[in-house]
Amino acid sequence: MAVEQYSQDELGAASDIAPPWAILPMRTQVAALPIKEEAGWRPRVLLLTSRQSGRWIIPKGWPMPELSDARAAAEEAREEGGISGRIRGDKPAGHYSYRKTLSSGEAVICRVSVYLLHVERELKKWKEQDERRRLWVDPDLAATMVQEPELAELLRRVGRGELR
């Protein structure tokens, strides 16, 4: 696991008494964890590349005031990954956190609520198809491909059949 390094200038004087994540502002995001289940096969999950760094992620974005968090997560999956389906329930299956640099240059910690999306359809064309790659993989392999430890654990739980 890579540990991010922060300069004293990035952290300020408070770095002497608090960990870096406690200093940065916190933001909330929502995400869909797309799952495809076919009879006789282990479930597969969908990973996408991020637009800027190309790292493997799940579809996520900012909450949408006009939608519930679960519906906003499903909308992010449609826009970013070209998939649609149904989310069971309105409670997240779990959470993870990561450091994000906003377009303003400000660094924040995003706390992401993750909703399981049972995929029913893959679109031939979608909003961000030219900006991302998508890959269906075994959940255990996916856990080794993402950078966020809490997200990796959610993926392993899908692989163990604890989340469906």
Protein backbone atom coordinates (compact mmCIF):
# COMPACT_ATOMS: atom_id res chain seq x y z
CA MET A 1 0.00 0.00 0.00
CA ALA A 2 1.40 3.38 -1.01
CA VAL A 3 1.57 6.07 1.64
CA GLU A 4 1.07 9.62 0.45
CA GLN A 5 3.69 12.12 1.52
CA TYR A 6 2.77 15.71 2.40
CA SER A 7 5.11 18.66 2.66
CA GLN A 8 4.98 20.95 5.69
CA ASP A 9 3.56 23.69 3.41
CA GLU A 10 0.71 21.40 2.32
CA LEU A 11 -0.15 20.49 5.90
CA GLY A 12 0.50 23.69 7.80
CA ALA A 13 1.35 23.94 11.49
CA ALA A 14 -1.44 21.58 12.54
CA SER A 15 0.50 18.63 11.08
CA ASP A 16 2.42 18.43 14.34
CA ILE A 17 -0.72 17.38 16.22
CA ALA A 18 -3.08 15.76 13.69
CA PRO A 19 -2.83 13.22 10.86
CA PRO A 20 -3.12 14.62 7.29
CA TRP A 21 -6.65 13.33 6.73
CA ALA A 22 -7.87 15.27 9.79
CA ILE A 23 -6.57 18.56 8.37
CA LEU A 24 -8.06 18.40 4.88
CA PRO A 25 -11.69 19.39 4.30
CA MET A 26 -14.13 16.49 3.98
CA ARG A 27 -16.55 16.07 1.04
CA THR A 28 -19.18 13.42 0.37
CA GLN A 29 -19.54 11.39 -2.82
CA VAL A 30 -21.71 8.50 -3.97
CA ALA A 31 -20.61 5.45 -5.95
CA ALA A 32 -22.07 2.41 -7.64
CA LEU A 33 -20.37 -0.95 -7.34
CA PRO A 34 -21.60 -2.66 -10.52
CA ILE A 35 -22.08 -6.41 -10.21
CA LYS A 36 -22.91 -8.84 -12.99
CA GLU A 37 -24.10 -12.28 -11.96
CA GLU A 38 -24.60 -15.12 -14.40
CA ALA A 39 -25.75 -18.62 -13.48
CA GLY A 40 -22.85 -20.98 -12.81
CA TRP A 41 -20.23 -18.21 -12.66
CA ARG A 42 -18.67 -16.13 -9.91
CA PRO A 43 -19.92 -12.56 -9.90
CA ARG A 44 -17.91 -9.99 -11.82
CA VAL A 45 -17.54 -6.31 -11.00
CA LEU A 46 -16.99 -3.37 -13.31
CA LEU A 47 -13.93 -1.16 -12.92
CA LEU A 48 -13.35 2.03 -14.89
CA THR A 49 -10.29 4.16 -15.41
CA SER A 50 -10.33 7.63 -13.91
CA ARG A 51 -10.20 10.41 -16.49
CA GLN A 52 -7.09 12.12 -15.16
CA SER A 53 -4.76 9.52 -13.69
CA GLY A 54 -6.03 6.38 -15.43
CA ARG A 55 -6.20 4.43 -12.16
CA TRP A 56 -8.91 1.80 -11.66
CA ILE A 57 -12.02 3.03 -9.85
CA ILE A 58 -15.76 2.38 -9.59
CA PRO A 59 -18.29 4.92 -10.96
CA LYS A 60 -18.68 7.77 -8.49
CA GLY A 61 -19.54 11.43 -8.25
CA TRP A 62 -21.10 14.19 -6.23
CA PRO A 63 -24.57 13.81 -4.70
CA MET A 64 -27.41 15.21 -6.82
CA PRO A 65 -29.95 17.24 -4.84
CA GLU A 66 -32.85 16.11 -7.02
CA LEU A 67 -32.02 12.39 -6.56
CA SER A 68 -31.55 10.07 -3.61
CA ASP A 69 -27.93 9.04 -3.08
CA ALA A 70 -28.71 5.54 -4.40
CA ARG A 71 -30.27 6.96 -7.59
CA ALA A 72 -27.38 9.41 -8.01
CA ALA A 73 -24.93 6.48 -7.79
CA ALA A 74 -26.90 4.64 -10.49
CA GLU A 75 -26.81 7.76 -12.67
CA GLU A 76 -23.02 8.00 -12.26
CA ALA A 77 -22.74 4.37 -13.40
CA ARG A 78 -24.77 5.18 -16.52
CA GLU A 79 -22.77 8.31 -17.38
CA GLU A 80 -19.29 6.97 -16.57
CA GLY A 81 -19.64 3.26 -17.34
CA GLY A 82 -22.53 2.95 -19.76
CA ILE A 83 -24.47 0.54 -17.59
CA SER A 84 -27.88 0.47 -15.99
CA GLY A 85 -29.53 -1.77 -13.47
CA ARG A 86 -31.07 -1.73 -10.06
CA ILE A 87 -29.82 -0.85 -6.63
CA ARG A 88 -31.28 -2.94 -3.82
CA GLY A 89 -32.45 -0.75 -0.98
CA ASP A 90 -31.49 2.79 -0.17
CA LYS A 91 -28.66 2.12 2.28
CA PRO A 92 -25.02 1.94 1.19
CA ALA A 93 -23.23 -1.43 1.27
CA GLY A 94 -20.17 0.34 2.66
CA HIS A 95 -17.89 3.35 2.49
CA TYR A 96 -14.36 4.27 1.54
CA SER A 97 -12.25 7.42 1.62
CA TYR A 98 -9.67 8.88 -0.72
CA ARG A 99 -7.75 12.12 -1.29
CA LYS A 100 -8.92 14.21 -4.24
CA THR A 101 -7.52 17.36 -5.78
CA LEU A 102 -10.33 19.59 -7.01
CA SER A 103 -10.12 21.64 -10.22
CA SER A 104 -9.41 24.65 -7.99
CA GLY A 105 -6.26 22.90 -6.77
CA GLU A 106 -7.72 22.41 -3.28
CA ALA A 107 -7.08 18.97 -1.74
CA VAL A 108 -9.99 17.31 0.06
CA ILE A 109 -10.82 13.95 1.55
CA CYS A 110 -13.85 12.35 -0.09
CA ARG A 111 -15.94 9.93 1.94
CA VAL A 112 -17.74 7.75 -0.60
CA SER A 113 -21.01 5.89 0.08
CA VAL A 114 -21.06 2.73 -2.09
CA TYR A 115 -24.30 1.22 -3.42
CA LEU A 116 -24.44 -2.21 -5.06
CA LEU A 117 -25.75 -1.95 -8.61
CA HIS A 118 -27.03 -5.18 -10.15
CA VAL A 119 -26.36 -4.61 -13.83
CA GLU A 120 -29.18 -5.40 -16.24
CA ARG A 121 -27.98 -3.61 -19.37
CA GLU A 122 -24.78 -2.38 -21.01
CA LEU A 123 -25.20 0.60 -23.32
CA LYS A 124 -23.53 0.73 -26.73
CA LYS A 125 -22.98 4.49 -26.38
CA TRP A 126 -22.70 6.61 -23.26
CA LYS A 127 -21.58 10.02 -22.13
CA GLU A 128 -17.97 9.30 -21.07
CA GLN A 129 -17.10 6.33 -23.31
CA ASP A 130 -14.25 8.18 -25.04
CA GLU A 131 -12.74 9.26 -21.70
CA ARG A 132 -12.56 5.95 -19.83
CA ARG A 133 -11.86 2.25 -20.22
CA ARG A 134 -14.11 -0.30 -18.58
CA LEU A 135 -13.25 -3.83 -17.51
CA TRP A 136 -15.34 -6.64 -16.01
CA VAL A 137 -13.22 -8.62 -13.54
CA ASP A 138 -13.41 -11.09 -10.70
CA PRO A 139 -13.93 -9.19 -7.41
CA ASP A 140 -10.74 -10.59 -5.88
CA LEU A 141 -8.69 -9.41 -8.84
CA ALA A 142 -10.46 -6.03 -8.72
CA ALA A 143 -9.41 -5.69 -5.07
CA THR A 144 -5.76 -5.83 -6.17
CA MET A 145 -6.31 -3.23 -8.89
CA VAL A 146 -7.80 -0.38 -6.83
CA GLN A 147 -5.72 1.89 -4.60
CA GLU A 148 -8.17 2.47 -1.74
CA PRO A 149 -7.93 -0.23 0.99
CA GLU A 150 -11.56 0.17 2.12
CA LEU A 151 -12.81 -0.22 -1.46
CA ALA A 152 -10.58 -3.28 -1.89
CA GLU A 153 -12.21 -4.83 1.18
CA LEU A 154 -15.71 -4.18 -0.23
CA LEU A 155 -14.65 -5.93 -3.44
CA ARG A 156 -13.29 -8.91 -1.48
CA ARG A 157 -16.61 -9.10 0.41
CA VAL A 158 -18.41 -9.36 -2.95
CA GLY A 159 -16.01 -12.15 -3.90
CA ARG A 160 -16.74 -14.01 -0.65
CA GLY A 161 -20.50 -13.69 -1.23
CA GLU A 162 -20.99 -11.39 1.78
CA LEU A 163 -22.38 -8.58 -0.37
CA ARG A 164 -24.97 -9.23 -3.06
